[in-house]
C-alpha atoms as a PDB file:
ATOM      1  CA  MET A   1     -28.099 -31.838-120.551  1.00  0.00           C
ATOM      2  CA  ILE A   2     -25.216 -29.848-118.788  1.00  0.00           C
ATOM      3  CA  ASP A   3     -21.836 -30.847-119.912  1.00  0.00           C
ATOM      4  CA  HIS A   4     -19.884 -29.506-116.939  1.00  0.00           C
ATOM      5  CA  LYS A   5     -20.062 -29.539-113.118  1.00  0.00           C
ATOM      6  CA  LEU A   6     -21.649 -26.737-111.752  1.00  0.00           C
ATOM      7  CA  PHE A   7     -19.369 -25.990-108.823  1.00  0.00           C
ATOM      8  CA  ALA A   8     -15.960 -27.281-109.834  1.00  0.00           C
ATOM      9  CA  GLY A   9     -13.266 -24.740-109.327  1.00  0.00           C
ATOM     10  CA  ALA A  10     -15.411 -22.447-107.265  1.00  0.00           C
ATOM     11  CA  GLN A  11     -13.165 -20.236-105.341  1.00  0.00           C
ATOM     12  CA  SER A  12     -13.949 -17.827-102.391  1.00  0.00           C
ATOM     13  CA  TRP A  13     -12.318 -14.247-101.729  1.00  0.00           C
ATOM     14  CA  PRO A  14     -11.311 -12.764 -98.508  1.00  0.00           C
ATOM     15  CA  ALA A  15     -14.343 -10.754 -97.870  1.00  0.00           C
ATOM     16  CA  LEU A  16     -16.441 -14.010 -98.476  1.00  0.00           C
ATOM     17  CA  ASP A  17     -14.247 -15.940 -96.315  1.00  0.00           C
ATOM     18  CA  ALA A  18     -14.608 -13.163 -93.448  1.00  0.00           C
ATOM     19  CA  PHE A  19     -18.375 -13.335 -93.875  1.00  0.00           C
ATOM     20  CA  ALA A  20     -18.090 -17.300 -93.367  1.00  0.00           C
ATOM     21  CA  TYR A  21     -15.954 -16.984 -90.292  1.00  0.00           C
ATOM     22  CA  GLY A  22     -18.034 -14.401 -88.949  1.00  0.00           C
ATOM     23  CA  LEU A  23     -21.022 -16.662 -89.309  1.00  0.00           C
ATOM     24  CA  MET A  24     -19.206 -19.227 -87.292  1.00  0.00           C
ATOM     25  CA  VAL A  25     -18.714 -17.064 -84.583  1.00  0.00           C
ATOM     26  CA  PHE A  26     -22.367 -15.845 -84.727  1.00  0.00           C
ATOM     27  CA  THR A  27     -23.421 -19.547 -84.713  1.00  0.00           C
ATOM     28  CA  ALA A  28     -21.188 -20.252 -81.590  1.00  0.00           C
ATOM     29  CA  VAL A  29     -22.828 -17.063 -79.971  1.00  0.00           C
ATOM     30  CA  LEU A  30     -26.440 -18.430 -80.827  1.00  0.00           C
ATOM     31  CA  LEU A  31     -25.499 -21.832 -79.496  1.00  0.00           C
ATOM     32  CA  LEU A  32     -24.632 -20.294 -76.207  1.00  0.00           C
ATOM     33  CA  LEU A  33     -27.773 -18.299 -75.969  1.00  0.00           C
ATOM     34  CA  LEU A  34     -29.844 -21.380 -76.727  1.00  0.00           C
ATOM     35  CA  PHE A  35     -28.161 -23.225 -73.959  1.00  0.00           C
ATOM     36  CA  LEU A  36     -28.735 -20.529 -71.506  1.00  0.00           C
ATOM     37  CA  GLY A  37     -32.212 -19.918 -72.541  1.00  0.00           C
ATOM     38  CA  THR A  38     -33.304 -23.334 -72.348  1.00  0.00           C
ATOM     39  CA  ARG A  39     -31.576 -24.160 -69.004  1.00  0.00           C
ATOM     40  CA  GLY A  40     -34.011 -24.953 -66.249  1.00  0.00           C
ATOM     41  CA  LYS A  41     -37.135 -24.577 -68.699  1.00  0.00           C
ATOM     42  CA  ASP A  42     -39.637 -27.153 -70.078  1.00  0.00           C
ATOM     43  CA  THR A  43     -38.425 -27.036 -73.811  1.00  0.00           C
ATOM     44  CA  ARG A  44     -41.866 -28.643 -74.755  1.00  0.00           C
ATOM     45  CA  ILE A  45     -43.303 -25.116 -74.222  1.00  0.00           C
ATOM     46  CA  TYR A  46     -43.099 -22.889 -77.338  1.00  0.00           C
ATOM     47  CA  ASP A  47     -40.934 -19.762 -76.835  1.00  0.00           C
ATOM     48  CA  ALA A  48     -40.739 -17.382 -79.983  1.00  0.00           C
ATOM     49  CA  LYS A  49     -37.363 -16.077 -78.919  1.00  0.00           C
ATOM     50  CA  LEU A  50     -35.708 -19.511 -78.798  1.00  0.00           C
ATOM     51  CA  ALA A  51     -37.589 -20.339 -81.797  1.00  0.00           C
ATOM     52  CA  TRP A  52     -35.833 -17.540 -83.649  1.00  0.00           C
ATOM     53  CA  ILE A  53     -32.412 -18.485 -82.273  1.00  0.00           C
ATOM     54  CA  ARG A  54     -32.940 -22.121 -83.415  1.00  0.00           C
ATOM     55  CA  ALA A  55     -33.837 -20.850 -86.847  1.00  0.00           C
ATOM     56  CA  LEU A  56     -30.932 -18.590 -87.144  1.00  0.00           C
ATOM     57  CA  ILE A  57     -28.448 -21.399 -86.045  1.00  0.00           C
ATOM     58  CA  TYR A  58     -30.083 -23.540 -88.776  1.00  0.00           C
ATOM     59  CA  PHE A  59     -29.695 -20.781 -91.466  1.00  0.00           C
ATOM     60  CA  SER A  60     -26.272 -20.146 -90.407  1.00  0.00           C
ATOM     61  CA  LEU A  61     -25.331 -23.743 -90.873  1.00  0.00           C
ATOM     62  CA  CYS A  62     -26.667 -23.676 -94.271  1.00  0.00           C
ATOM     63  CA  TRP A  63     -24.643 -20.689 -95.293  1.00  0.00           C
ATOM     64  CA  ILE A  64     -21.666 -21.988 -93.946  1.00  0.00           C
ATOM     65  CA  LEU A  65     -22.136 -25.378 -95.803  1.00  0.00           C
ATOM     66  CA  SER A  66     -22.692 -23.331 -98.958  1.00  0.00           C
ATOM     67  CA  TRP A  67     -19.598 -21.456 -98.646  1.00  0.00           C
ATOM     68  CA  ALA A  68     -17.632 -24.449 -97.705  1.00  0.00           C
ATOM     69  CA  THR A  69     -18.959 -26.544-100.596  1.00  0.00           C
ATOM     70  CA  GLY A  70     -18.367 -23.624-103.174  1.00  0.00           C
ATOM     71  CA  VAL A  71     -22.096 -23.008-103.833  1.00  0.00           C
ATOM     72  CA  LEU A  72     -22.164 -19.467-102.256  1.00  0.00           C
ATOM     73  CA  PRO A  73     -19.053 -18.460-104.169  1.00  0.00           C
ATOM     74  CA  THR A  74     -20.704 -19.517-107.374  1.00  0.00           C
ATOM     75  CA  LEU A  75     -23.927 -18.019-106.641  1.00  0.00           C
ATOM     76  CA  LEU A  76     -22.303 -14.583-105.942  1.00  0.00           C
ATOM     77  CA  SER A  77     -20.061 -14.793-109.094  1.00  0.00           C
ATOM     78  CA  THR A  78     -22.326 -15.869-111.990  1.00  0.00           C
ATOM     79  CA  PRO A  79     -25.324 -14.123-113.725  1.00  0.00           C
ATOM     80  CA  LEU A  80     -28.695 -15.243-112.181  1.00  0.00           C
ATOM     81  CA  VAL A  81     -29.669 -16.174-115.846  1.00  0.00           C
ATOM     82  CA  ASN A  82     -27.798 -17.399-118.579  1.00  0.00           C
ATOM     83  CA  PRO A  83     -28.672 -15.158-121.435  1.00  0.00           C
ATOM     84  CA  GLU A  84     -27.967 -18.110-124.144  1.00  0.00           C
ATOM     85  CA  HIS A  85     -30.974 -20.006-122.493  1.00  0.00           C
ATOM     86  CA  THR A  86     -33.589 -17.099-122.393  1.00  0.00           C
ATOM     87  CA  GLY A  87     -34.021 -17.507-126.042  1.00  0.00           C
ATOM     88  CA  GLN A  88     -34.974 -21.109-126.073  1.00  0.00           C
ATOM     89  CA  THR A  89     -38.552 -22.146-126.001  1.00  0.00           C
ATOM     90  CA  SER A  90     -38.037 -25.018-124.113  1.00  0.00           C
ATOM     91  CA  TRP A  91     -36.239 -22.962-121.276  1.00  0.00           C
ATOM     92  CA  ILE A  92     -39.223 -20.583-121.186  1.00  0.00           C
ATOM     93  CA  VAL A  93     -41.906 -23.207-121.090  1.00  0.00           C
ATOM     94  CA  PHE A  94     -40.323 -25.273-118.509  1.00  0.00           C
ATOM     95  CA  VAL A  95     -39.537 -22.168-116.229  1.00  0.00           C
ATOM     96  CA  ALA A  96     -43.156 -20.982-116.581  1.00  0.00           C
ATOM     97  CA  ALA A  97     -44.488 -24.364-115.956  1.00  0.00           C
ATOM     98  CA  THR A  98     -42.254 -24.836-112.900  1.00  0.00           C
ATOM     99  CA  TRP A  99     -43.686 -21.529-111.637  1.00  0.00           C
ATOM    100  CA  VAL A 100     -47.084 -22.615-112.070  1.00  0.00           C
ATOM    101  CA  VAL A 101     -46.753 -25.816-110.019  1.00  0.00           C
ATOM    102  CA  VAL A 102     -44.705 -24.000-107.410  1.00  0.00           C
ATOM    103  CA  LEU A 103     -47.577 -21.371-106.947  1.00  0.00           C
ATOM    104  CA  ILE A 104     -50.179 -23.989-106.840  1.00  0.00           C
ATOM    105  CA  GLY A 105     -48.235 -25.842-104.345  1.00  0.00           C
ATOM    106  CA  TYR A 106     -47.609 -22.864-102.118  1.00  0.00           C
ATOM    107  CA  ILE A 107     -50.239 -20.504-102.699  1.00  0.00           C
ATOM    108  CA  TYR A 108     -52.916 -23.198-102.492  1.00  0.00           C
ATOM    109  CA  VAL A 109     -52.036 -26.585-101.483  1.00  0.00           C
ATOM    110  CA  TRP A 110     -49.641 -25.649 -98.461  1.00  0.00           C
ATOM    111  CA  PRO A 111     -51.877 -22.932 -97.132  1.00  0.00           C
ATOM    112  CA  THR A 112     -54.937 -24.966 -97.351  1.00  0.00           C
ATOM    113  CA  GLY A 113     -53.207 -27.654 -95.427  1.00  0.00           C
ATOM    114  CA  SER A 114     -52.277 -25.351 -92.694  1.00  0.00           C
ATOM    115  CA  VAL A 115     -53.839 -23.560 -89.743  1.00  0.00           C
ATOM    116  CA  THR A 116     -52.734 -20.402 -87.866  1.00  0.00           C
ATOM    117  CA  TYR A 117     -54.914 -20.602 -84.756  1.00  0.00           C
ATOM    118  CA  LYS A 118     -55.720 -16.893 -85.289  1.00  0.00           C
ATOM    119  CA  ARG A 119     -52.099 -15.718 -84.729  1.00  0.00           C
ATOM    120  CA  ARG A 120     -51.059 -12.289 -85.537  1.00  0.00           C
ATOM    121  CA  PHE A 121     -49.097 -11.587 -88.528  1.00  0.00           C
ATOM    122  CA  TYR A 122     -45.826  -9.774 -87.930  1.00  0.00           C
ATOM    123  CA  PRO A 123     -44.868  -8.537 -91.684  1.00  0.00           C
ATOM    124  CA  LEU A 124     -41.544  -6.609 -90.487  1.00  0.00           C
ATOM    125  CA  THR A 125     -40.219 -10.032 -89.123  1.00  0.00           C
ATOM    126  CA  THR A 126     -41.945 -12.794 -90.879  1.00  0.00           C
ATOM    127  CA  ILE A 127     -41.211 -11.583 -94.225  1.00  0.00           C
ATOM    128  CA  PRO A 128     -37.357 -11.323 -93.845  1.00  0.00           C
ATOM    129  CA  LEU A 129     -37.321 -14.670 -91.895  1.00  0.00           C
ATOM    130  CA  GLY A 130     -39.161 -16.188 -94.910  1.00  0.00           C
ATOM    131  CA  ILE A 131     -36.459 -14.857 -97.453  1.00  0.00           C
ATOM    132  CA  VAL A 132     -33.619 -16.114 -95.401  1.00  0.00           C
ATOM    133  CA  TRP A 133     -35.366 -19.407 -94.708  1.00  0.00           C
ATOM    134  CA  GLY A 134     -35.824 -19.952 -98.463  1.00  0.00           C
ATOM    135  CA  LEU A 135     -32.301 -18.817 -99.494  1.00  0.00           C
ATOM    136  CA  SER A 136     -30.655 -20.785 -96.867  1.00  0.00           C
ATOM    137  CA  GLU A 137     -32.496 -24.155 -97.464  1.00  0.00           C
ATOM    138  CA  ALA A 138     -32.231 -23.614-101.358  1.00  0.00           C
ATOM    139  CA  GLN A 139     -28.276 -23.349-100.664  1.00  0.00           C
ATOM    140  CA  LEU A 140     -28.444 -26.382 -98.432  1.00  0.00           C
ATOM    141  CA  PHE A 141     -29.806 -28.439-101.420  1.00  0.00           C
ATOM    142  CA  LEU A 142     -27.273 -27.050-103.663  1.00  0.00           C
ATOM    143  CA  SER A 143     -24.574 -28.020-101.145  1.00  0.00           C
ATOM    144  CA  TYR A 144     -25.779 -31.686-101.609  1.00  0.00           C
ATOM    145  CA  TRP A 145     -25.427 -31.408-105.300  1.00  0.00           C
ATOM    146  CA  ALA A 146     -22.047 -29.854-105.155  1.00  0.00           C
ATOM    147  CA  ILE A 147     -20.696 -32.747-102.621  1.00  0.00           C
ATOM    148  CA  ALA A 148     -22.346 -35.231-105.035  1.00  0.00           C
ATOM    149  CA  GLU A 149     -20.613 -33.912-108.210  1.00  0.00           C
ATOM    150  CA  ARG A 150     -17.164 -34.325-106.534  1.00  0.00           C
ATOM    151  CA  PHE A 151     -17.636 -38.151-106.827  1.00  0.00           C
ATOM    152  CA  VAL A 152     -20.199 -38.603-109.745  1.00  0.00           C
ATOM    153  CA  ASP A 153     -19.987 -37.144-113.104  1.00  0.00           C
ATOM    154  CA  ALA A 154     -23.593 -37.844-114.654  1.00  0.00           C
ATOM    155  CA  PRO A 155     -25.706 -34.948-113.920  1.00  0.00           C
ATOM    156  CA  TRP A 156     -29.073 -36.990-113.719  1.00  0.00           C
ATOM    157  CA  LEU A 157     -27.230 -39.329-111.195  1.00  0.00           C
ATOM    158  CA  ILE A 158     -25.957 -36.164-109.293  1.00  0.00           C
ATOM    159  CA  ALA A 159     -29.843 -35.162-109.305  1.00  0.00           C
ATOM    160  CA  ILE A 160     -30.760 -38.338-107.893  1.00  0.00           C
ATOM    161  CA  ILE A 161     -28.478 -38.171-105.129  1.00  0.00           C
ATOM    162  CA  THR A 162     -29.293 -34.720-104.329  1.00  0.00           C
ATOM    163  CA  TYR A 163     -32.970 -35.710-104.097  1.00  0.00           C
ATOM    164  CA  ILE A 164     -32.337 -38.688-101.910  1.00  0.00           C
ATOM    165  CA  GLY A 165     -29.990 -36.422 -99.518  1.00  0.00           C
ATOM    166  CA  ALA A 166     -32.739 -33.637 -99.355  1.00  0.00           C
ATOM    167  CA  SER A 167     -35.372 -36.397 -98.642  1.00  0.00           C
ATOM    168  CA  LEU A 168     -33.320 -38.118 -96.047  1.00  0.00           C
ATOM    169  CA  THR A 169     -32.376 -34.884 -94.134  1.00  0.00           C
ATOM    170  CA  ASN A 170     -35.730 -32.708 -94.491  1.00  0.00           C
ATOM    171  CA  GLY A 171     -38.079 -35.144 -93.213  1.00  0.00           C
ATOM    172  CA  PRO A 172     -35.939 -35.802 -89.699  1.00  0.00           C
ATOM    173  CA  LEU A 173     -35.219 -32.131 -89.582  1.00  0.00           C
ATOM    174  CA  HIS A 174     -38.893 -31.225 -89.541  1.00  0.00           C
ATOM    175  CA  LEU A 175     -40.001 -34.110 -87.285  1.00  0.00           C
ATOM    176  CA  PHE A 176     -37.436 -33.957 -84.637  1.00  0.00           C
ATOM    177  CA  TYR A 177     -36.245 -29.982 -84.726  1.00  0.00           C
ATOM    178  CA  TRP A 178     -38.142 -27.436 -87.037  1.00  0.00           C
ATOM    179  CA  ASP A 179     -41.802 -28.421 -86.456  1.00  0.00           C
ATOM    180  CA  ARG A 180     -41.233 -29.190 -82.794  1.00  0.00           C
ATOM    181  CA  TYR A 181     -39.213 -26.315 -81.562  1.00  0.00           C
ATOM    182  CA  VAL A 182     -38.986 -23.417 -84.542  1.00  0.00           C
ATOM    183  CA  SER A 183     -42.133 -23.253 -86.519  1.00  0.00           C
ATOM    184  CA  PRO A 184     -45.496 -22.646 -84.637  1.00  0.00           C
ATOM    185  CA  ASP A 185     -48.321 -25.362 -84.770  1.00  0.00           C
ATOM    186  CA  HIS A 186     -49.496 -25.175 -88.108  1.00  0.00           C
ATOM    187  CA  ASN A 187     -50.110 -28.705 -89.658  1.00  0.00           C
ATOM    188  CA  ILE A 188     -53.326 -30.423 -90.576  1.00  0.00           C
ATOM    189  CA  TYR A 189     -52.450 -34.087 -90.322  1.00  0.00           C
ATOM    190  CA  GLU A 190     -54.866 -35.072 -93.042  1.00  0.00           C
ATOM    191  CA  TRP A 191     -52.688 -32.563 -95.276  1.00  0.00           C
ATOM    192  CA  ASN A 192     -49.269 -33.583 -94.468  1.00  0.00           C
ATOM    193  CA  ILE A 193     -48.918 -36.276 -97.316  1.00  0.00           C
ATOM    194  CA  LYS A 194     -50.874 -33.946 -99.819  1.00  0.00           C
ATOM    195  CA  LYS A 195     -48.191 -31.017 -99.039  1.00  0.00           C
ATOM    196  CA  VAL A 196     -45.609 -33.524 -99.845  1.00  0.00           C
ATOM    197  CA  MET A 197     -47.063 -34.973-103.078  1.00  0.00           C
ATOM    198  CA  PHE A 198     -48.212 -31.797-104.440  1.00  0.00           C
ATOM    199  CA  ALA A 199     -45.972 -28.975-103.119  1.00  0.00           C
ATOM    200  CA  HIS A 200     -42.592 -30.258-101.633  1.00  0.00           C
ATOM    201  CA  ASN A 201     -41.893 -33.145-104.057  1.00  0.00           C
ATOM    202  CA  PRO A 202     -43.112 -31.356-107.407  1.00  0.00           C
ATOM    203  CA  THR A 203     -40.737 -28.482-106.683  1.00  0.00           C
ATOM    204  CA  LEU A 204     -37.781 -30.124-105.749  1.00  0.00           C
ATOM    205  CA  ILE A 205     -38.093 -32.741-108.736  1.00  0.00           C
ATOM    206  CA  LEU A 206     -38.854 -29.887-111.224  1.00  0.00           C
ATOM    207  CA  SER A 207     -35.877 -27.663-110.073  1.00  0.00           C
ATOM    208  CA  LEU A 208     -33.424 -30.757-110.007  1.00  0.00           C
ATOM    209  CA  ILE A 209     -34.559 -31.553-113.542  1.00  0.00           C
ATOM    210  CA  PHE A 210     -34.053 -27.858-114.476  1.00  0.00           C
ATOM    211  CA  LEU A 211     -30.288 -28.153-113.051  1.00  0.00           C
ATOM    212  CA  VAL A 212     -29.772 -31.273-115.119  1.00  0.00           C
ATOM    213  CA  VAL A 213     -30.779 -29.812-118.206  1.00  0.00           C
ATOM    214  CA  TRP A 214     -29.824 -26.189-118.206  1.00  0.00           C
ATOM    215  CA  GLY A 215     -27.811 -25.698-114.999  1.00  0.00           C
ATOM    216  CA  ASP A 216     -28.850 -22.197-114.107  1.00  0.00           C
ATOM    217  CA  VAL A 217     -28.132 -22.152-110.388  1.00  0.00           C
ATOM    218  CA  GLY A 218     -29.504 -18.583-110.201  1.00  0.00           C
ATOM    219  CA  VAL A 219     -32.923 -19.308-111.690  1.00  0.00           C
ATOM    220  CA  TYR A 220     -32.970 -22.587-109.465  1.00  0.00           C
ATOM    221  CA  LEU A 221     -32.428 -20.453-106.518  1.00  0.00           C
ATOM    222  CA  PHE A 222     -35.867 -18.648-106.660  1.00  0.00           C
ATOM    223  CA  TRP A 223     -38.179 -21.920-106.532  1.00  0.00           C
ATOM    224  CA  PRO A 224     -37.423 -23.294-103.253  1.00  0.00           C
ATOM    225  CA  ALA A 225     -36.544 -19.802-101.822  1.00  0.00           C
ATOM    226  CA  PHE A 226     -40.078 -18.734-102.790  1.00  0.00           C
ATOM    227  CA  ALA A 227     -41.598 -21.829-101.416  1.00  0.00           C
ATOM    228  CA  LEU A 228     -40.423 -21.256 -98.015  1.00  0.00           C
ATOM    229  CA  PHE A 229     -40.996 -17.772 -98.037  1.00  0.00           C
ATOM    230  CA  ALA A 230     -44.699 -18.599 -98.788  1.00  0.00           C
ATOM    231  CA  CYS A 231     -44.683 -21.038 -95.860  1.00  0.00           C
ATOM    232  CA  ALA A 232     -43.480 -18.175 -93.490  1.00  0.00           C
ATOM    233  CA  ILE A 233     -46.181 -16.023 -94.462  1.00  0.00           C
ATOM    234  CA  ALA A 234     -49.020 -18.712 -94.604  1.00  0.00           C
ATOM    235  CA  GLN A 235     -48.237 -20.190 -90.877  1.00  0.00           C
ATOM    236  CA  LYS A 236     -47.796 -16.447 -89.680  1.00  0.00           C
ATOM    237  CA  PHE A 237     -44.530 -17.211 -88.224  1.00  0.00           C
ATOM    238  CA  PRO A 238     -44.243 -15.267 -85.054  1.00  0.00           C
ATOM    239  CA  ALA A 239     -41.862 -12.249 -84.070  1.00  0.00           C
ATOM    240  CA  PRO A 240     -39.425 -12.986 -81.473  1.00  0.00           C
ATOM    241  CA  TRP A 241     -41.451 -10.763 -79.089  1.00  0.00           C
ATOM    242  CA  ASP A 242     -44.756 -12.861 -79.473  1.00  0.00           C
ATOM    243  CA  THR A 243     -46.025 -14.533 -76.320  1.00  0.00           C
ATOM    244  CA  LEU A 244     -49.378 -15.956 -77.664  1.00  0.00           C
ATOM    245  CA  SER A 245     -48.342 -18.520 -79.918  1.00  0.00           C
ATOM    246  CA  HIS A 246     -48.069 -22.193 -79.183  1.00  0.00           C
ATOM    247  CA  GLY A 247     -45.910 -25.130 -80.808  1.00  0.00           C
ATOM    248  CA  GLU A 248     -47.068 -28.367 -82.232  1.00  0.00           C
ATOM    249  CA  LEU A 249     -45.295 -30.480 -79.517  1.00  0.00           C
ATOM    250  CA  GLU A 250     -46.855 -28.354 -76.699  1.00  0.00           C
ATOM    251  CA  ALA A 251     -50.285 -28.840 -78.231  1.00  0.00           C
ATOM    252  CA  GLN A 252     -49.699 -32.435 -78.754  1.00  0.00           C
ATOM    253  CA  GLU A 253     -48.521 -32.912 -74.993  1.00  0.00           C
ATOM    254  CA  GLY A 254     -51.677 -31.076 -73.783  1.00  0.00           C
ATOM    255  CA  LEU A 255     -49.456 -28.418 -72.248  1.00  0.00           C
ATOM    256  CA  CYS A 256     -51.816 -25.507 -73.695  1.00  0.00           C
ATOM    257  CA  ASP A 257     -55.572 -25.052 -74.157  1.00  0.00           C
ATOM    258  CA  VAL A 258     -55.700 -25.649 -77.884  1.00  0.00           C
ATOM    259  CA  GLN A 259     -57.255 -28.536 -80.005  1.00  0.00           C
ATOM    260  CA  THR A 260     -54.326 -29.067 -82.335  1.00  0.00           C
ATOM    261  CA  MET A 261     -54.899 -30.340 -85.733  1.00  0.00           C
ATOM    262  CA  SER A 262     -51.352 -31.892 -86.037  1.00  0.00           C
ATOM    263  CA  LEU A 263     -52.903 -35.123 -84.489  1.00  0.00           C
ATOM    264  CA  PRO A 264     -54.474 -37.923 -86.300  1.00  0.00           C
ATOM    265  CA  PRO A 265     -58.128 -37.443 -86.580  1.00  0.00           C
ATOM    266  CA  GLU A 266     -58.797 -40.393 -84.488  1.00  0.00           C
ATOM    267  CA  VAL A 267     -56.577 -39.332 -81.615  1.00  0.00           C
ATOM    268  CA  ARG A 268     -58.230 -35.790 -81.986  1.00  0.00           C
ATOM    269  CA  LYS A 269     -61.724 -37.530 -81.718  1.00  0.00           C
ATOM    270  CA  GLU A 270     -60.567 -39.362 -78.597  1.00  0.00           C
ATOM    271  CA  ARG A 271     -58.845 -36.376 -76.885  1.00  0.00           C
ATOM    272  CA  TYR A 272     -61.262 -33.601 -78.051  1.00  0.00           C
ATOM    273  CA  GLY A 273     -64.513 -35.530 -78.586  1.00  0.00           C
ATOM    274  CA  SER A 274     -65.144 -34.148 -82.196  1.00  0.00           C
END
């Protein structure tokens, strides 16, 4: 178990501060664009351009919080891998086992429980978005850790607080924001709990255990980052100029001619007759 706080004493530097302040300005511009873009429109109708603006707002806020809590300075000033750990059999076994769990969760479970409705795949936009999405949310969870360790000393208790924080925020984020206005319609209702139990939860729990025992924040970063990168690919996140994709809220409200799988099976049977 680690015997030090991961982000205590983290210090930024002028160039990184300038980057963070630039992100704040960028976020303000995005919020203005979102306000202008949604004015007079039915926001239940999916709009890929607005989805990208909303996504970039979320990413920017994650990076700003990461900078403010000392996570980003730490990530940029420490080695990705602690060479003292790479020779430990337990470290190697745990890292390998975690990768197996993450790969099963996000190469098999998550895609199996998702549907793309024959959306076109845009690799030049979807791949960068997936990378930034993964790095952003990974830093968000580390920010929870950084905040918790300011008030708590025991690493295992910090991990529990981080898990609770991630659970309490990630659910509402997707329910009321991400899955309604950012991601295109992709959920299969019957698989929602399976995704949580066999993809999201194992990845988060194992990565937090890794932080408690070894504290390699650089290695930790790869797991949630890869998970969301894989999600972006699996759901075929549309390009900003895409006009054919539809959203979950749009389909659930019956505003497009799509039989969405995001509704409970009994509702689908009543609405679509199958």
